[in-house]
Amino acid sequence: MYKWLPILVLACSGMLAYAADEFAPSPATPEQLNLIREGGYVLFIRHGPTDTSYPDRVPIDLQDCTTQRPLTDAGRQLMAQVGEYLRQAEIPIGEVHSSPLCRAKETADLLFGLNRYAVDNELMYVAALTDVEKQPIIARTHHLLSSAVAPGHNRVLVAHGPNMVEVMEYFPVEGTLVIIEANQEQQQFTYIASIEPDHWPRLLAEQE
């Protein structure tokens, strides 16, 4: 398992990209799926697959989805299916925080139902921001990953790959669920495992 202390910031974007490439995610096991069934964890979910032929306009207009990179139709179908897998797995969901970008909010809708989440502007996509603009977002993400979770529930963050790079050098594929154990006393968190979208059927079958 990997542990992160409060806010590790690397010197430049090139170093971040390299570090993310070096991270080796660990596929979740049936035992780890049972852990999140009991609650008390943080689940970071990167939004679903997007259409890269329509990049974000900079600066991003949060009120206009046509200025933002959208989910693909296949991405929508995939995240709706992941939502069904979450229900089949009986994962208890508590508070859900979403980035304000349309692709994150739409992902949250597909996973958990309409308006089942709170929009958090400090989970904003960081890739187009300056180092100064990133700092409150990095701090907020770290806080949500390391703060205590209500017993019997899991806290969910629906956000972006570059945001995860900033706090733990990991760039998950679109639609991945990342399992995190929070340690509020030490204000740090531990990476447990990942569930990529195509991993769900096998993981659920192994539970039977």
C-alpha atoms as a PDB file:
ATOM      1  CA  MET A   1       0.000   0.000   0.000  1.00  0.00           C
ATOM      2  CA  TYR A   2       1.080   3.572  -0.612  1.00  0.00           C
ATOM      3  CA  LYS A   3       0.815   6.377   1.958  1.00  0.00           C
ATOM      4  CA  TRP A   4       0.758  10.107   1.268  1.00  0.00           C
ATOM      5  CA  LEU A   5       1.536  12.898   3.701  1.00  0.00           C
ATOM      6  CA  PRO A   6      -0.124  16.318   3.320  1.00  0.00           C
ATOM      7  CA  ILE A   7       0.204  17.733  -0.197  1.00  0.00           C
ATOM      8  CA  LEU A   8       3.184  16.488  -2.120  1.00  0.00           C
ATOM      9  CA  VAL A   9       3.887  19.062  -4.837  1.00  0.00           C
ATOM     10  CA  LEU A  10       6.443  18.284  -7.530  1.00  0.00           C
ATOM     11  CA  ALA A  11       8.461  20.968  -9.190  1.00  0.00           C
ATOM     12  CA  CYS A  12       7.002  20.913 -12.683  1.00  0.00           C
ATOM     13  CA  SER A  13       4.342  19.326 -14.854  1.00  0.00           C
ATOM     14  CA  GLY A  14       6.910  17.174 -16.626  1.00  0.00           C
ATOM     15  CA  MET A  15       7.928  15.599 -13.330  1.00  0.00           C
ATOM     16  CA  LEU A  16       4.271  14.989 -12.499  1.00  0.00           C
ATOM     17  CA  ALA A  17       3.665  13.209 -15.771  1.00  0.00           C
ATOM     18  CA  TYR A  18       6.738  11.041 -15.268  1.00  0.00           C
ATOM     19  CA  ALA A  19       5.786  10.152 -11.705  1.00  0.00           C
ATOM     20  CA  ALA A  20       2.250   9.245 -12.808  1.00  0.00           C
ATOM     21  CA  ASP A  21       3.658   6.973 -15.502  1.00  0.00           C
ATOM     22  CA  GLU A  22       5.732   5.186 -12.839  1.00  0.00           C
ATOM     23  CA  PHE A  23       2.779   4.487 -10.507  1.00  0.00           C
ATOM     24  CA  ALA A  24       1.654   0.849 -10.601  1.00  0.00           C
ATOM     25  CA  PRO A  25      -2.032   0.561  -9.634  1.00  0.00           C
ATOM     26  CA  SER A  26      -3.113  -2.508  -7.699  1.00  0.00           C
ATOM     27  CA  PRO A  27      -6.322  -4.227  -8.924  1.00  0.00           C
ATOM     28  CA  ALA A  28      -8.826  -4.640  -6.102  1.00  0.00           C
ATOM     29  CA  THR A  29      -9.363  -8.097  -4.643  1.00  0.00           C
ATOM     30  CA  PRO A  30     -12.629  -9.602  -3.367  1.00  0.00           C
ATOM     31  CA  GLU A  31     -11.359  -8.989   0.167  1.00  0.00           C
ATOM     32  CA  GLN A  32     -10.872  -5.290  -0.576  1.00  0.00           C
ATOM     33  CA  LEU A  33     -14.326  -5.090  -2.123  1.00  0.00           C
ATOM     34  CA  ASN A  34     -15.652  -6.480   1.166  1.00  0.00           C
ATOM     35  CA  LEU A  35     -13.842  -3.700   3.021  1.00  0.00           C
ATOM     36  CA  ILE A  36     -15.672  -0.957   1.150  1.00  0.00           C
ATOM     37  CA  ARG A  37     -18.946  -2.841   1.616  1.00  0.00           C
ATOM     38  CA  GLU A  38     -18.453  -2.161   5.328  1.00  0.00           C
ATOM     39  CA  GLY A  39     -17.909   1.554   4.691  1.00  0.00           C
ATOM     40  CA  GLY A  40     -15.443   4.027   6.135  1.00  0.00           C
ATOM     41  CA  TYR A  41     -13.390   4.596   2.954  1.00  0.00           C
ATOM     42  CA  VAL A  42     -12.979   7.310   0.355  1.00  0.00           C
ATOM     43  CA  LEU A  43     -13.736   6.366  -3.249  1.00  0.00           C
ATOM     44  CA  PHE A  44     -12.154   8.658  -5.841  1.00  0.00           C
ATOM     45  CA  ILE A  45     -13.798   8.122  -9.231  1.00  0.00           C
ATOM     46  CA  ARG A  46     -12.381   9.644 -12.382  1.00  0.00           C
ATOM     47  CA  HIS A  47     -15.137  10.740 -14.768  1.00  0.00           C
ATOM     48  CA  GLY A  48     -16.121   8.437 -17.619  1.00  0.00           C
ATOM     49  CA  PRO A  49     -14.525   8.184 -21.075  1.00  0.00           C
ATOM     50  CA  THR A  50     -14.512  11.466 -23.009  1.00  0.00           C
ATOM     51  CA  ASP A  51     -14.298  12.713 -26.582  1.00  0.00           C
ATOM     52  CA  THR A  52     -10.793  14.130 -26.901  1.00  0.00           C
ATOM     53  CA  SER A  53     -11.607  15.645 -30.304  1.00  0.00           C
ATOM     54  CA  TYR A  54     -13.539  18.336 -28.383  1.00  0.00           C
ATOM     55  CA  PRO A  55     -11.004  19.732 -25.894  1.00  0.00           C
ATOM     56  CA  ASP A  56     -11.891  22.189 -23.159  1.00  0.00           C
ATOM     57  CA  ARG A  57     -11.789  25.830 -24.114  1.00  0.00           C
ATOM     58  CA  VAL A  58      -9.527  27.850 -21.855  1.00  0.00           C
ATOM     59  CA  PRO A  59     -10.620  29.444 -19.630  1.00  0.00           C
ATOM     60  CA  ILE A  60     -13.341  26.859 -19.017  1.00  0.00           C
ATOM     61  CA  ASP A  61     -16.882  28.213 -18.785  1.00  0.00           C
ATOM     62  CA  LEU A  62     -18.532  26.177 -16.037  1.00  0.00           C
ATOM     63  CA  GLN A  63     -21.994  27.368 -17.118  1.00  0.00           C
ATOM     64  CA  ASP A  64     -21.657  26.142 -20.708  1.00  0.00           C
ATOM     65  CA  CYS A  65     -21.148  22.414 -21.269  1.00  0.00           C
ATOM     66  CA  THR A  66     -20.467  23.023 -24.978  1.00  0.00           C
ATOM     67  CA  THR A  67     -17.143  24.598 -23.986  1.00  0.00           C
ATOM     68  CA  GLN A  68     -16.023  21.458 -22.143  1.00  0.00           C
ATOM     69  CA  ARG A  69     -14.736  18.048 -23.221  1.00  0.00           C
ATOM     70  CA  PRO A  70     -17.815  15.786 -23.122  1.00  0.00           C
ATOM     71  CA  LEU A  71     -18.431  12.165 -22.273  1.00  0.00           C
ATOM     72  CA  THR A  72     -18.825   9.940 -25.307  1.00  0.00           C
ATOM     73  CA  ASP A  73     -22.025   7.952 -25.796  1.00  0.00           C
ATOM     74  CA  ALA A  74     -20.032   4.805 -25.035  1.00  0.00           C
ATOM     75  CA  GLY A  75     -18.643   6.534 -21.948  1.00  0.00           C
ATOM     76  CA  ARG A  76     -22.158   7.303 -20.728  1.00  0.00           C
ATOM     77  CA  GLN A  77     -23.207   3.707 -21.218  1.00  0.00           C
ATOM     78  CA  LEU A  78     -20.103   2.485 -19.422  1.00  0.00           C
ATOM     79  CA  MET A  79     -20.606   4.701 -16.379  1.00  0.00           C
ATOM     80  CA  ALA A  80     -24.286   3.737 -16.164  1.00  0.00           C
ATOM     81  CA  GLN A  81     -23.090   0.112 -16.115  1.00  0.00           C
ATOM     82  CA  VAL A  82     -20.503   0.907 -13.420  1.00  0.00           C
ATOM     83  CA  GLY A  83     -23.330   2.428 -11.375  1.00  0.00           C
ATOM     84  CA  GLU A  84     -25.197  -0.864 -11.694  1.00  0.00           C
ATOM     85  CA  TYR A  85     -22.069  -2.768 -10.612  1.00  0.00           C
ATOM     86  CA  LEU A  86     -21.849  -0.538  -7.516  1.00  0.00           C
ATOM     87  CA  ARG A  87     -25.436  -1.401  -6.650  1.00  0.00           C
ATOM     88  CA  GLN A  88     -24.858  -5.108  -7.269  1.00  0.00           C
ATOM     89  CA  ALA A  89     -21.831  -4.949  -4.975  1.00  0.00           C
ATOM     90  CA  GLU A  90     -23.973  -3.237  -2.293  1.00  0.00           C
ATOM     91  CA  ILE A  91     -21.426  -0.473  -1.724  1.00  0.00           C
ATOM     92  CA  PRO A  92     -22.832   1.972   0.859  1.00  0.00           C
ATOM     93  CA  ILE A  93     -22.574   5.519  -0.482  1.00  0.00           C
ATOM     94  CA  GLY A  94     -22.562   8.533   1.803  1.00  0.00           C
ATOM     95  CA  GLU A  95     -21.643  12.051   0.741  1.00  0.00           C
ATOM     96  CA  VAL A  96     -20.785  12.500  -2.952  1.00  0.00           C
ATOM     97  CA  HIS A  97     -18.644  15.451  -4.064  1.00  0.00           C
ATOM     98  CA  SER A  98     -18.351  16.304  -7.754  1.00  0.00           C
ATOM     99  CA  SER A  99     -16.096  18.575  -9.740  1.00  0.00           C
ATOM    100  CA  PRO A 100     -18.092  21.437 -11.301  1.00  0.00           C
ATOM    101  CA  LEU A 101     -17.232  20.330 -14.845  1.00  0.00           C
ATOM    102  CA  CYS A 102     -20.090  18.845 -16.850  1.00  0.00           C
ATOM    103  CA  ARG A 103     -18.327  15.528 -17.537  1.00  0.00           C
ATOM    104  CA  ALA A 104     -17.873  14.938 -13.795  1.00  0.00           C
ATOM    105  CA  LYS A 105     -21.439  15.939 -12.894  1.00  0.00           C
ATOM    106  CA  GLU A 106     -22.850  13.768 -15.667  1.00  0.00           C
ATOM    107  CA  THR A 107     -20.723  10.861 -14.425  1.00  0.00           C
ATOM    108  CA  ALA A 108     -22.087  11.365 -10.895  1.00  0.00           C
ATOM    109  CA  ASP A 109     -25.645  11.402 -12.268  1.00  0.00           C
ATOM    110  CA  LEU A 110     -25.054   8.162 -14.163  1.00  0.00           C
ATOM    111  CA  LEU A 111     -23.482   6.451 -11.162  1.00  0.00           C
ATOM    112  CA  PHE A 112     -25.762   7.576  -8.349  1.00  0.00           C
ATOM    113  CA  GLY A 113     -28.865   9.226  -9.822  1.00  0.00           C
ATOM    114  CA  LEU A 114     -29.796  12.808 -10.594  1.00  0.00           C
ATOM    115  CA  ASN A 115     -28.739  15.433  -8.056  1.00  0.00           C
ATOM    116  CA  ARG A 116     -27.367  12.831  -5.646  1.00  0.00           C
ATOM    117  CA  TYR A 117     -24.141  14.847  -5.259  1.00  0.00           C
ATOM    118  CA  ALA A 118     -22.828  18.209  -4.097  1.00  0.00           C
ATOM    119  CA  VAL A 119     -20.876  20.314  -6.585  1.00  0.00           C
ATOM    120  CA  ASP A 120     -17.534  21.339  -5.125  1.00  0.00           C
ATOM    121  CA  ASN A 121     -15.780  24.087  -7.092  1.00  0.00           C
ATOM    122  CA  GLU A 122     -12.546  23.219  -5.325  1.00  0.00           C
ATOM    123  CA  LEU A 123     -12.481  19.884  -7.166  1.00  0.00           C
ATOM    124  CA  MET A 124     -12.037  21.850 -10.405  1.00  0.00           C
ATOM    125  CA  TYR A 125      -9.915  20.359 -13.215  1.00  0.00           C
ATOM    126  CA  VAL A 126      -6.350  21.515 -12.527  1.00  0.00           C
ATOM    127  CA  ALA A 127      -4.590  20.861 -15.839  1.00  0.00           C
ATOM    128  CA  ALA A 128      -5.274  24.338 -17.262  1.00  0.00           C
ATOM    129  CA  LEU A 129      -4.556  26.223 -14.027  1.00  0.00           C
ATOM    130  CA  THR A 130      -1.484  28.022 -12.746  1.00  0.00           C
ATOM    131  CA  ASP A 131       0.433  26.673  -9.759  1.00  0.00           C
ATOM    132  CA  VAL A 132      -1.156  29.335  -7.555  1.00  0.00           C
ATOM    133  CA  GLU A 133      -4.662  28.514  -8.790  1.00  0.00           C
ATOM    134  CA  LYS A 134      -4.088  24.798  -8.165  1.00  0.00           C
ATOM    135  CA  GLN A 135      -3.200  25.112  -4.499  1.00  0.00           C
ATOM    136  CA  PRO A 136      -6.716  25.382  -2.979  1.00  0.00           C
ATOM    137  CA  ILE A 137      -7.873  22.495  -5.182  1.00  0.00           C
ATOM    138  CA  ILE A 138      -4.946  20.301  -4.138  1.00  0.00           C
ATOM    139  CA  ALA A 139      -5.596  21.198  -0.503  1.00  0.00           C
ATOM    140  CA  ARG A 140      -9.313  20.437  -0.772  1.00  0.00           C
ATOM    141  CA  THR A 141      -8.709  17.119  -2.514  1.00  0.00           C
ATOM    142  CA  HIS A 142      -6.185  16.119   0.143  1.00  0.00           C
ATOM    143  CA  HIS A 143      -8.613  17.116   2.891  1.00  0.00           C
ATOM    144  CA  LEU A 144     -11.440  15.002   1.447  1.00  0.00           C
ATOM    145  CA  LEU A 145      -9.109  12.014   0.983  1.00  0.00           C
ATOM    146  CA  SER A 146      -7.667  12.178   4.512  1.00  0.00           C
ATOM    147  CA  SER A 147     -10.640  13.242   6.667  1.00  0.00           C
ATOM    148  CA  ALA A 148     -12.597  10.715   8.709  1.00  0.00           C
ATOM    149  CA  VAL A 149     -15.551   9.031   6.980  1.00  0.00           C
ATOM    150  CA  ALA A 150     -18.876   8.352   8.676  1.00  0.00           C
ATOM    151  CA  PRO A 151     -19.125   4.697   9.774  1.00  0.00           C
ATOM    152  CA  GLY A 152     -21.099   2.478   7.432  1.00  0.00           C
ATOM    153  CA  HIS A 153     -20.710   4.819   4.473  1.00  0.00           C
ATOM    154  CA  ASN A 154     -18.091   5.706   1.875  1.00  0.00           C
ATOM    155  CA  ARG A 155     -17.258   9.244   0.807  1.00  0.00           C
ATOM    156  CA  VAL A 156     -17.139   9.651  -2.984  1.00  0.00           C
ATOM    157  CA  LEU A 157     -15.193  12.192  -5.036  1.00  0.00           C
ATOM    158  CA  VAL A 158     -15.972  12.392  -8.768  1.00  0.00           C
ATOM    159  CA  ALA A 159     -13.188  14.386 -10.356  1.00  0.00           C
ATOM    160  CA  HIS A 160     -10.222  14.329 -12.739  1.00  0.00           C
ATOM    161  CA  GLY A 161      -7.039  12.380 -13.432  1.00  0.00           C
ATOM    162  CA  PRO A 162      -4.665  15.376 -13.172  1.00  0.00           C
ATOM    163  CA  ASN A 163      -6.079  16.168  -9.733  1.00  0.00           C
ATOM    164  CA  MET A 164      -5.099  12.711  -8.523  1.00  0.00           C
ATOM    165  CA  VAL A 165      -1.622  13.173  -9.977  1.00  0.00           C
ATOM    166  CA  GLU A 166      -1.201  16.269  -7.821  1.00  0.00           C
ATOM    167  CA  VAL A 167      -1.880  14.426  -4.565  1.00  0.00           C
ATOM    168  CA  MET A 168      -0.491  10.936  -5.173  1.00  0.00           C
ATOM    169  CA  GLU A 169       1.303  10.771  -8.534  1.00  0.00           C
ATOM    170  CA  TYR A 170      -1.357   8.480 -10.025  1.00  0.00           C
ATOM    171  CA  PHE A 171      -3.212   9.126 -13.289  1.00  0.00           C
ATOM    172  CA  PRO A 172      -6.121   6.630 -13.285  1.00  0.00           C
ATOM    173  CA  VAL A 173      -7.809   5.673 -16.533  1.00  0.00           C
ATOM    174  CA  GLU A 174     -11.221   7.216 -17.149  1.00  0.00           C
ATOM    175  CA  GLY A 175     -13.959   5.583 -15.106  1.00  0.00           C
ATOM    176  CA  THR A 176     -11.607   4.076 -12.509  1.00  0.00           C
ATOM    177  CA  LEU A 177     -12.648   3.820  -8.862  1.00  0.00           C
ATOM    178  CA  VAL A 178      -9.705   4.348  -6.497  1.00  0.00           C
ATOM    179  CA  ILE A 179     -10.038   3.028  -2.933  1.00  0.00           C
ATOM    180  CA  ILE A 180      -8.468   5.254  -0.277  1.00  0.00           C
ATOM    181  CA  GLU A 181      -8.182   4.788   3.489  1.00  0.00           C
ATOM    182  CA  ALA A 182      -8.236   8.100   5.352  1.00  0.00           C
ATOM    183  CA  ASN A 183      -6.195   8.849   8.473  1.00  0.00           C
ATOM    184  CA  GLN A 184      -7.561  12.054   9.954  1.00  0.00           C
ATOM    185  CA  GLU A 185      -5.304  11.988  12.995  1.00  0.00           C
ATOM    186  CA  GLN A 186      -2.175  12.181  10.860  1.00  0.00           C
ATOM    187  CA  GLN A 187      -3.847  14.094   8.008  1.00  0.00           C
ATOM    188  CA  GLN A 188      -2.709  11.554   5.453  1.00  0.00           C
ATOM    189  CA  PHE A 189      -4.223   8.778   3.395  1.00  0.00           C
ATOM    190  CA  THR A 190      -3.316   5.337   2.127  1.00  0.00           C
ATOM    191  CA  TYR A 191      -3.923   4.002  -1.363  1.00  0.00           C
ATOM    192  CA  ILE A 192      -5.585   0.587  -1.144  1.00  0.00           C
ATOM    193  CA  ALA A 193      -6.462  -0.522  -4.691  1.00  0.00           C
ATOM    194  CA  SER A 194      -8.188   0.408  -7.947  1.00  0.00           C
ATOM    195  CA  ILE A 195     -11.207  -0.917  -9.848  1.00  0.00           C
ATOM    196  CA  GLU A 196     -10.970  -0.036 -13.531  1.00  0.00           C
ATOM    197  CA  PRO A 197     -14.267  -0.231 -15.474  1.00  0.00           C
ATOM    198  CA  ASP A 198     -13.496  -3.546 -17.161  1.00  0.00           C
ATOM    199  CA  HIS A 199     -12.425  -5.078 -13.848  1.00  0.00           C
ATOM    200  CA  TRP A 200     -15.914  -5.062 -12.300  1.00  0.00           C
ATOM    201  CA  PRO A 201     -17.414  -8.210 -13.905  1.00  0.00           C
ATOM    202  CA  ARG A 202     -14.512 -10.426 -12.863  1.00  0.00           C
ATOM    203  CA  LEU A 203     -14.347  -8.905  -9.380  1.00  0.00           C
ATOM    204  CA  LEU A 204     -18.074  -9.482  -8.806  1.00  0.00           C
ATOM    205  CA  ALA A 205     -17.853 -13.015 -10.198  1.00  0.00           C
ATOM    206  CA  GLU A 206     -15.047 -13.794  -7.740  1.00  0.00           C
ATOM    207  CA  GLN A 207     -17.410 -12.815  -4.922  1.00  0.00           C
ATOM    208  CA  GLU A 208     -19.897 -15.522  -5.845  1.00  0.00           C
END
